[in-house]
Amino acid sequence: MADLKIPFFDIGTTYRELKPEIDEAVQRVLVNGWYILGKEVDLFEKEFAEYCGVKYCVGVGSGLDALVLIMRAYKELGYLQNGDEIIVPANTYIASILAILESGLTPIIVEPKLNTFNIDPANVEKMITSKTKGIIAVHLYGQLAEMGTLQEVALNNGLLLIEDAAQAHGARNAKGEKAGNLGNAAGFSFYPGKNLGAFGDAGAVTTNDSRLAEMVRIIRNYGSDKKYYNEVRGVNSRLDELHAAVLSVKLKYLDKHNTQRMRVARKYIDLISNSEIILPNWSFENDHVFHLFVIRSNNRNILAEYLQKKSIQTMIHYPVPPHKQRALIEYKNLHLPISERIHSEVLSIPINPFLKENDIYYVIDCISKFQIK
């Protein structure tokens, strides 16, 4: 087994599996000769809205742009203004916080629950002030945040509830409601490594609010709803036709691929046995689509080196919490021990729809045998 190579994720595998359909979709766009905001974007927006169970989807340039445009649109509509506070989890990718700052708003960073990695609703309630206008709920690693409780908190306090669903395409609650339809609006990323990934940067906003959807459409296109007539100060953040065509193909297989991810996750959770390792908390329902399978260890770096020697590639999501990043130096003195602990312990091991059975069991065996001498 020494020569076995298990990459963290081979993005090209998805293309090879769906090659005929993807090639046909790309060729269709090239032959059509319309590359910006055309039929493919219209089609994908309708398909993804229907998939998420919402009325509207607006394709944009990236997941970060999706969050920024949501907040920019709410400002244009009068729901938000400069300096308003938005509560956001401390344990997230920095994009969640950058989007707030980019929009002229103030992030209020709160601790997650250690066992789920997701924002703790109790901590959210403690931080609500007269300046608080919204909550960003991040479905980290593919697991839904506690949206039922957060919905109640938002409703009781008159707050906007925005989903950062960048890692949770297809995750659904006990009622069957999907990520993207659990708040006022949601931002998705279609970065290539996501459960639903394009072949470059891409994103989308989903919502049931017609006014918000229309404003996002205007802002993404230079602030224009009619060519050369600009209503607001917009940006250029449009989902490309090529990406939309590819995403329409891959969307048909998303549930299948998520099921395959969950199958691998179930094997890991059932069969990895090691007191050095803390496995993810999961209900074994569809509320976690395992964009990442993240374990914890007090000896994370030693474990990563051990697995590398066993030809198993791992990654750390994420090594430095946002409030300790140089880019956010003004937050460096925040006392957030749970997030700091998480970032010092987490290690992501291979999980994707295409892992072979012998590779899955090899990963299980290696992790189960790991020990500190």
Protein backbone atom coordinates (compact mmCIF):
# COMPACT_ATOMS: atom_id res chain seq x y z
CA MET A 1 0.00 0.00 0.00
CA ALA A 2 3.03 2.29 0.25
CA ASP A 3 2.64 3.49 -3.34
CA LEU A 4 -1.07 4.25 -3.02
CA LYS A 5 -1.83 7.88 -3.75
CA ILE A 6 -5.09 9.33 -2.46
CA PRO A 7 -5.38 12.98 -3.46
CA PHE A 8 -7.58 15.27 -1.42
CA PHE A 9 -9.81 15.75 -4.45
CA ASP A 10 -9.23 15.31 -8.17
CA ILE A 11 -11.50 17.93 -9.70
CA GLY A 12 -10.89 16.50 -13.15
CA THR A 13 -12.72 13.31 -12.17
CA THR A 14 -16.06 15.11 -12.36
CA TYR A 15 -15.31 16.25 -15.88
CA ARG A 16 -14.22 12.78 -16.98
CA GLU A 17 -17.44 11.27 -15.61
CA LEU A 18 -19.67 13.83 -17.35
CA LYS A 19 -17.45 14.56 -20.35
CA PRO A 20 -19.97 13.99 -23.18
CA GLU A 21 -22.62 16.22 -21.60
CA ILE A 22 -20.18 18.93 -20.55
CA ASP A 23 -18.47 18.97 -23.94
CA GLU A 24 -21.82 19.31 -25.65
CA ALA A 25 -22.83 22.17 -23.34
CA VAL A 26 -19.56 24.05 -23.90
CA GLN A 27 -19.76 23.52 -27.65
CA ARG A 28 -23.32 24.84 -27.64
CA VAL A 29 -22.19 28.08 -26.02
CA LEU A 30 -19.23 28.51 -28.36
CA VAL A 31 -21.30 27.93 -31.47
CA ASN A 32 -24.08 30.21 -30.24
CA GLY A 33 -21.59 33.06 -29.88
CA TRP A 34 -23.33 34.74 -26.92
CA TYR A 35 -21.08 34.70 -23.86
CA ILE A 36 -22.50 37.19 -21.31
CA LEU A 37 -25.99 37.06 -19.71
CA GLY A 38 -27.66 34.90 -22.30
CA LYS A 39 -29.86 31.82 -22.49
CA GLU A 40 -27.53 29.57 -20.48
CA VAL A 41 -27.51 31.92 -17.49
CA ASP A 42 -31.29 32.34 -17.69
CA LEU A 43 -31.74 28.57 -17.80
CA PHE A 44 -29.40 27.83 -14.92
CA GLU A 45 -30.91 30.56 -12.76
CA LYS A 46 -34.35 29.01 -13.25
CA GLU A 47 -33.06 25.48 -12.62
CA PHE A 48 -31.13 26.37 -9.49
CA ALA A 49 -33.99 28.43 -8.09
CA GLU A 50 -36.32 25.46 -8.60
CA TYR A 51 -33.74 23.11 -7.06
CA CYS A 52 -33.38 25.27 -3.94
CA GLY A 53 -37.14 25.81 -3.73
CA VAL A 54 -36.99 29.58 -4.12
CA LYS A 55 -38.55 32.00 -6.58
CA TYR A 56 -35.38 33.72 -7.72
CA CYS A 57 -31.74 32.97 -8.46
CA VAL A 58 -29.26 35.56 -9.74
CA GLY A 59 -25.95 34.33 -11.13
CA VAL A 60 -22.90 36.37 -10.11
CA GLY A 61 -19.13 36.25 -10.35
CA SER A 62 -18.22 34.47 -7.10
CA GLY A 63 -19.44 33.43 -3.68
CA LEU A 64 -17.90 36.52 -2.10
CA ASP A 65 -19.65 38.70 -4.64
CA ALA A 66 -22.94 36.97 -3.83
CA LEU A 67 -22.73 38.01 -0.17
CA VAL A 68 -21.53 41.52 -1.00
CA LEU A 69 -24.32 42.04 -3.53
CA ILE A 70 -26.96 40.87 -1.07
CA MET A 71 -25.87 43.48 1.43
CA ARG A 72 -25.37 46.16 -1.20
CA ALA A 73 -28.88 45.48 -2.45
CA TYR A 74 -30.36 45.70 1.04
CA LYS A 75 -28.64 49.06 1.45
CA GLU A 76 -30.10 50.32 -1.83
CA LEU A 77 -33.53 49.13 -0.70
CA GLY A 78 -33.20 50.93 2.63
CA TYR A 79 -32.94 47.89 4.91
CA LEU A 80 -29.30 48.56 5.80
CA GLN A 81 -27.08 51.58 6.10
CA ASN A 82 -23.37 52.18 6.69
CA GLY A 83 -22.22 51.08 10.12
CA ASP A 84 -25.08 48.68 10.83
CA GLU A 85 -24.01 45.57 12.70
CA ILE A 86 -24.15 42.11 11.14
CA ILE A 87 -23.55 39.10 13.40
CA VAL A 88 -21.25 36.50 11.83
CA PRO A 89 -19.55 33.34 13.13
CA ALA A 90 -15.93 33.54 14.18
CA ASN A 91 -15.29 30.08 12.75
CA THR A 92 -15.66 30.67 9.02
CA TYR A 93 -13.66 31.43 5.93
CA ILE A 94 -12.64 35.08 5.92
CA ALA A 95 -14.91 35.83 2.94
CA SER A 96 -17.97 35.87 5.24
CA ILE A 97 -16.46 38.76 7.17
CA LEU A 98 -14.87 40.51 4.18
CA ALA A 99 -18.31 40.76 2.57
CA ILE A 100 -19.64 42.68 5.57
CA LEU A 101 -16.69 45.08 5.63
CA GLU A 102 -16.80 45.55 1.85
CA SER A 103 -20.41 46.64 2.20
CA GLY A 104 -19.64 49.34 4.76
CA LEU A 105 -21.19 47.36 7.59
CA THR A 106 -19.79 46.24 10.94
CA PRO A 107 -19.14 42.55 11.65
CA ILE A 108 -19.92 41.32 15.14
CA ILE A 109 -17.96 38.11 15.45
CA VAL A 110 -19.37 35.39 17.72
CA GLU A 111 -18.29 31.93 18.79
CA PRO A 112 -19.55 28.65 17.27
CA LYS A 113 -20.47 25.40 18.94
CA LEU A 114 -17.42 23.18 19.28
CA ASN A 115 -19.20 19.99 18.22
CA THR A 116 -20.76 21.34 15.00
CA PHE A 117 -18.30 24.14 14.07
CA ASN A 118 -21.37 26.30 13.28
CA ILE A 119 -22.58 29.53 14.89
CA ASP A 120 -24.14 29.17 18.34
CA PRO A 121 -27.62 30.79 18.40
CA ALA A 122 -27.25 31.47 22.13
CA ASN A 123 -24.17 33.57 21.43
CA VAL A 124 -26.02 35.38 18.66
CA GLU A 125 -28.77 36.45 21.07
CA LYS A 126 -26.22 37.76 23.57
CA MET A 127 -24.69 40.09 20.97
CA ILE A 128 -27.86 41.72 19.62
CA THR A 129 -27.99 45.48 20.16
CA SER A 130 -30.01 48.35 18.76
CA LYS A 131 -27.44 48.52 15.95
CA THR A 132 -27.85 44.89 14.94
CA LYS A 133 -29.62 44.52 11.58
CA GLY A 134 -28.73 41.05 10.38
CA ILE A 135 -27.21 37.63 10.93
CA ILE A 136 -25.05 35.69 8.51
CA ALA A 137 -25.45 31.95 9.12
CA VAL A 138 -22.61 29.97 7.57
CA HIS A 139 -23.32 26.32 6.73
CA LEU A 140 -19.71 25.36 7.33
CA TYR A 141 -18.21 22.31 5.63
CA GLY A 142 -21.65 21.46 4.20
CA GLN A 143 -23.62 21.21 7.47
CA LEU A 144 -26.67 23.39 7.99
CA ALA A 145 -26.47 25.90 10.81
CA GLU A 146 -29.28 25.72 13.38
CA MET A 147 -31.62 27.59 11.09
CA GLY A 148 -34.86 26.92 12.96
CA THR A 149 -33.54 28.63 16.08
CA LEU A 150 -31.84 31.37 14.08
CA GLN A 151 -35.07 32.05 12.21
CA GLU A 152 -36.83 32.59 15.54
CA VAL A 153 -34.05 34.88 16.78
CA ALA A 154 -34.16 36.90 13.57
CA LEU A 155 -37.97 37.14 13.57
CA ASN A 156 -38.20 38.12 17.24
CA ASN A 157 -35.61 40.88 16.78
CA GLY A 158 -36.56 42.15 13.33
CA LEU A 159 -33.27 41.04 11.76
CA LEU A 160 -32.32 39.93 8.28
CA LEU A 161 -31.13 36.32 8.11
CA ILE A 162 -28.62 35.69 5.34
CA GLU A 163 -27.24 32.26 4.51
CA ASP A 164 -23.63 31.78 3.52
CA ALA A 165 -24.36 28.56 1.66
CA ALA A 166 -21.06 28.46 -0.23
CA GLN A 167 -20.33 24.91 0.98
CA ALA A 168 -23.83 23.49 1.38
CA HIS A 169 -25.40 22.94 -2.06
CA GLY A 170 -28.27 20.51 -1.56
CA ALA A 171 -28.21 20.30 2.24
CA ARG A 172 -31.74 20.14 3.60
CA ASN A 173 -33.52 20.24 6.93
CA ALA A 174 -36.00 17.74 8.37
CA LYS A 175 -38.83 19.40 6.42
CA GLY A 176 -36.94 18.92 3.15
CA GLU A 177 -36.22 22.65 2.81
CA LYS A 178 -32.84 23.26 1.21
CA ALA A 179 -29.97 25.60 1.86
CA GLY A 180 -30.73 28.77 -0.05
CA ASN A 181 -34.35 28.78 1.11
CA LEU A 182 -33.86 29.10 4.87
CA GLY A 183 -33.38 32.83 5.25
CA ASN A 184 -34.14 36.13 3.54
CA ALA A 185 -31.40 35.50 0.99
CA ALA A 186 -28.44 33.21 0.42
CA GLY A 187 -25.06 33.43 -1.23
CA PHE A 188 -23.61 30.41 -3.06
CA SER A 189 -20.15 29.77 -4.43
CA PHE A 190 -19.54 27.57 -7.44
CA TYR A 191 -15.75 27.50 -7.00
CA PRO A 192 -14.44 24.39 -8.79
CA GLY A 193 -13.99 22.29 -5.65
CA LYS A 194 -17.51 22.84 -4.32
CA ASN A 195 -20.17 20.12 -4.36
CA LEU A 196 -21.59 22.03 -7.33
CA GLY A 197 -18.58 23.60 -8.99
CA ALA A 198 -17.97 25.53 -12.18
CA PHE A 199 -14.69 25.51 -14.09
CA GLY A 200 -13.64 28.81 -12.51
CA ASP A 201 -15.03 31.39 -10.11
CA ALA A 202 -18.82 31.71 -10.09
CA GLY A 203 -21.62 32.28 -7.61
CA ALA A 204 -25.31 32.98 -7.14
CA VAL A 205 -27.84 34.70 -4.90
CA THR A 206 -31.11 32.95 -4.06
CA THR A 207 -34.15 34.58 -2.49
CA ASN A 208 -37.94 34.75 -2.48
CA ASP A 209 -37.84 38.56 -2.42
CA SER A 210 -38.54 39.97 -5.89
CA ARG A 211 -37.25 43.44 -5.02
CA LEU A 212 -33.98 42.07 -3.67
CA ALA A 213 -33.49 39.81 -6.69
CA GLU A 214 -34.08 42.68 -9.08
CA MET A 215 -31.66 44.97 -7.23
CA VAL A 216 -28.96 42.28 -7.22
CA ARG A 217 -29.46 41.89 -10.99
CA ILE A 218 -29.02 45.64 -11.43
CA ILE A 219 -25.96 45.97 -9.20
CA ARG A 220 -24.17 42.96 -10.76
CA ASN A 221 -24.44 44.62 -14.19
CA TYR A 222 -22.87 48.04 -13.57
CA GLY A 223 -26.02 49.25 -11.83
CA SER A 224 -28.03 48.97 -15.03
CA ASP A 225 -31.33 47.32 -15.87
CA LYS A 226 -31.29 48.82 -19.34
CA LYS A 227 -28.11 49.02 -21.37
CA TYR A 228 -26.28 52.35 -20.93
CA TYR A 229 -28.80 53.55 -18.32
CA ASN A 230 -27.46 53.19 -14.78
CA GLU A 231 -29.79 53.33 -11.79
CA VAL A 232 -27.22 52.79 -9.01
CA ARG A 233 -23.45 52.49 -8.63
CA GLY A 234 -22.96 48.90 -9.63
CA VAL A 235 -20.16 46.45 -10.35
CA ASN A 236 -19.32 43.86 -12.96
CA SER A 237 -20.16 40.51 -11.38
CA ARG A 238 -21.97 38.32 -13.88
CA LEU A 239 -22.14 34.56 -14.15
CA ASP A 240 -20.57 33.59 -17.49
CA GLU A 241 -22.52 31.63 -20.07
CA LEU A 242 -19.89 28.88 -20.17
CA HIS A 243 -20.01 28.38 -16.41
CA ALA A 244 -23.80 28.41 -16.44
CA ALA A 245 -23.92 25.72 -19.14
CA VAL A 246 -21.53 23.50 -17.18
CA LEU A 247 -23.42 24.07 -13.93
CA SER A 248 -26.71 23.05 -15.57
CA VAL A 249 -25.14 19.73 -16.49
CA LYS A 250 -23.61 19.14 -13.07
CA LEU A 251 -26.77 20.20 -11.21
CA LYS A 252 -28.55 17.11 -12.55
CA TYR A 253 -26.04 14.94 -10.64
CA LEU A 254 -25.72 17.00 -7.45
CA ASP A 255 -28.06 14.89 -5.30
CA LYS A 256 -26.40 11.68 -6.50
CA HIS A 257 -22.95 13.04 -5.72
CA ASN A 258 -24.06 14.33 -2.32
CA THR A 259 -25.44 10.89 -1.50
CA GLN A 260 -22.09 9.37 -2.43
CA ARG A 261 -20.31 11.87 -0.17
CA MET A 262 -22.63 10.99 2.71
CA ARG A 263 -21.99 7.29 2.11
CA VAL A 264 -18.26 7.84 2.52
CA ALA A 265 -18.84 10.00 5.59
CA ARG A 266 -20.99 7.28 7.18
CA LYS A 267 -18.21 4.73 6.67
CA TYR A 268 -15.66 7.08 8.21
CA ILE A 269 -17.83 7.78 11.25
CA ASP A 270 -18.82 4.14 11.75
CA LEU A 271 -15.38 2.62 11.26
CA ILE A 272 -12.66 5.07 12.29
CA SER A 273 -11.72 4.10 15.82
CA ASN A 274 -9.04 6.14 17.54
CA SER A 275 -9.13 7.99 20.87
CA GLU A 276 -6.78 10.60 19.37
CA ILE A 277 -9.41 11.60 16.80
CA ILE A 278 -12.67 13.54 17.21
CA LEU A 279 -15.06 12.82 14.35
CA PRO A 280 -17.68 15.24 12.99
CA ASN A 281 -21.04 15.54 14.70
CA TRP A 282 -23.74 14.40 12.29
CA SER A 283 -27.41 13.45 12.61
CA PHE A 284 -27.08 10.99 9.69
CA GLU A 285 -29.77 12.98 7.90
CA ASN A 286 -29.48 15.19 4.81
CA ASP A 287 -28.52 18.30 6.80
CA HIS A 288 -24.84 17.68 6.04
CA VAL A 289 -23.61 17.19 2.46
CA PHE A 290 -19.93 16.91 3.43
CA HIS A 291 -18.25 19.42 1.22
CA LEU A 292 -15.46 18.60 3.66
CA PHE A 293 -14.97 15.82 6.19
CA VAL A 294 -13.22 17.53 9.08
CA ILE A 295 -11.74 15.68 12.02
CA ARG A 296 -10.04 17.14 15.09
CA SER A 297 -6.88 16.16 16.90
CA ASN A 298 -4.68 17.73 19.54
CA ASN A 299 -1.83 16.45 17.42
CA ARG A 300 -3.16 17.72 14.09
CA ASN A 301 0.19 18.52 12.48
CA ILE A 302 1.73 15.18 13.46
CA LEU A 303 -1.37 13.41 12.12
CA ALA A 304 -1.13 15.29 8.83
CA GLU A 305 2.54 14.34 8.44
CA TYR A 306 1.74 10.72 9.25
CA LEU A 307 -1.01 10.58 6.62
CA GLN A 308 1.23 12.27 4.06
CA LYS A 309 3.76 9.49 4.59
CA LYS A 310 0.93 7.05 3.99
CA SER A 311 0.27 8.83 0.65
CA ILE A 312 -3.01 10.33 1.88
CA GLN A 313 -3.33 14.03 1.10
CA THR A 314 -5.02 16.20 3.72
CA MET A 315 -5.77 19.92 4.03
CA ILE A 316 -6.50 22.35 6.86
CA HIS A 317 -9.76 24.31 6.67
CA TYR A 318 -8.65 26.69 8.11
CA PRO A 319 -5.27 27.13 9.85
CA VAL A 320 -5.82 30.74 11.05
CA PRO A 321 -9.15 32.14 12.29
CA PRO A 322 -10.27 35.38 10.61
CA HIS A 323 -9.75 37.53 13.72
CA LYS A 324 -6.09 36.49 13.80
CA GLN A 325 -5.45 37.32 10.14
CA ARG A 326 -3.26 40.32 9.39
CA ALA A 327 -6.00 41.63 7.08
CA LEU A 328 -8.30 41.95 10.12
CA ILE A 329 -5.70 43.18 12.58
CA GLU A 330 -8.23 45.44 14.30
CA TYR A 331 -9.90 42.28 15.67
CA LYS A 332 -6.73 40.61 16.95
CA ASN A 333 -7.57 41.19 20.61
CA LEU A 334 -10.92 39.43 20.49
CA HIS A 335 -11.14 36.57 22.99
CA LEU A 336 -12.52 33.66 20.97
CA PRO A 337 -11.06 30.49 22.50
CA ILE A 338 -13.48 28.03 20.88
CA SER A 339 -12.68 29.24 17.37
CA GLU A 340 -8.97 29.36 18.10
CA ARG A 341 -9.10 25.79 19.39
CA ILE A 342 -10.98 24.62 16.32
CA HIS A 343 -8.48 26.20 13.95
CA SER A 344 -5.58 24.57 15.81
CA GLU A 345 -7.13 21.08 15.72
CA VAL A 346 -9.01 20.60 12.43
CA LEU A 347 -7.82 18.44 9.56
CA SER A 348 -9.77 17.66 6.40
CA ILE A 349 -9.39 14.16 5.00
CA PRO A 350 -10.33 13.03 1.47
CA ILE A 351 -14.04 12.87 0.74
CA ASN A 352 -15.60 13.07 -2.69
CA PRO A 353 -18.13 11.15 -4.80
CA PHE A 354 -15.41 9.22 -6.61
CA LEU A 355 -13.39 7.69 -3.78
CA LYS A 356 -12.84 3.99 -4.43
CA GLU A 357 -13.81 1.45 -1.81
CA ASN A 358 -10.25 0.28 -1.19
CA ASP A 359 -9.15 3.91 -0.77
CA ILE A 360 -11.91 4.58 1.76
CA TYR A 361 -10.90 1.58 3.85
CA TYR A 362 -7.23 2.46 3.55
CA VAL A 363 -7.91 5.93 4.96
CA ILE A 364 -9.97 4.39 7.77
CA ASP A 365 -7.24 1.88 8.60
CA CYS A 366 -4.44 4.46 8.61
CA ILE A 367 -6.30 6.91 10.83
CA SER A 368 -7.39 4.17 13.21
CA LYS A 369 -3.77 3.04 13.61
CA PHE A 370 -2.40 6.55 14.22
CA GLN A 371 -0.83 6.95 17.64
CA ILE A 372 1.52 9.29 19.46
CA LYS A 373 4.58 7.41 20.60
